[in-house]
């Protein structure tokens, strides 16, 4: 018989179906739990009795993908406990969305998991680190942290982790989190702000530098999204990564207006322009310059920018990296993607939306460079 993908979503409050309906539904579905290959379990605490899932215990031999999304009750004395998934020998991909998951609360075969997604609210970092330390075969970790993090004194060593994505709603959390991670085989890292809004606070590269030294890893792919960071800081960031092949940068789009302006009246971001002339000039390969070339192995570049791009500087940078001079020892750029966000102040709704450089980029495309361009006038 074919394996099954099961989705169990139980609403809370007034949307919750009668108890007998939930019970009878679970009874029917759990009869085939030996065929479950993928399970998505989402519910409010109190919406179901966990005893309804008792038949699946020890009967999930082929389960490979598991999502658990729990809306916890405010003020609940006893935290949610899940004893049903400890005996899942094939489980390798897990997505947990709850407050502070740990190996004690969510019993899983942590040592089998290779891909883990965590969405946490007001997390206790020490508790989560203890859970991660049991994930001895983890290759991919995507971690979203919202709210206020409870600091940790312990570190976590993930000896096989290759891909790491961290999303925070306060960039300062990155400075707290990164020094506690040791990932010697890491090659891909994504650092994100959960909001595209600039809050007039900047983040620098020092925590990342300490993280690289501690891990002794070789980063080949970097994605920076919505970080409140300056052009100079990003350049210092890139100087730490001589083996970088793929780089994606997304600028912040908005800034908060000063109070008491309502939050929905956000104004266009003008301060967070990372891809400046200085930035592009530093990326340009100049064999006559005494400066050491930055990211010499870069082959794939993606930029998501606000309006006001230094178009001539961009074209010069691409020209130097697309067909670098042989003595330079620089890898040739293979792909370039450019997305421009927003509308210039001197532009009305009827004017030509695309930046002038879009037409020039087509020359690179016709000559063999993989080029993708897009323009998004609307920011909402």
Foldseek 3Di string as FASTA:
>chain_A
DAADAEEAAAEDDPVGDDQVVVLVVLVVVLVVQLRHQHYAAEYEVVSHDCVSNVSQAVRNANHAYYEYAYDYDPPDPDDAADPRAQPHVNYAYYEYHEAADACGRYPHQLCRYAEYEYHHEQYAVQRVLNRNQNNQNHAYYAYEYEYHHRADPAAHEHARHAEYEYEYQDVVVLLRPLLRYAYQAYAEYEYYYPALEDAPDADACVSVLNSCVRRVHAYAYYEYYSHRYAQVRVQVVQQSHLNHAYYEYEHRFWYQDDPPPDRVPTDGDDPTFNQDLVNLVLQADDPPDPDQHTNLNYAYYEYEGEPPHPLVSNVRRLVCQQDPDVVNSGHHHAEYEYEYEADDPPDDPPDDQDDPNVVVVVVVVVVHHHYHYYYHHDDD
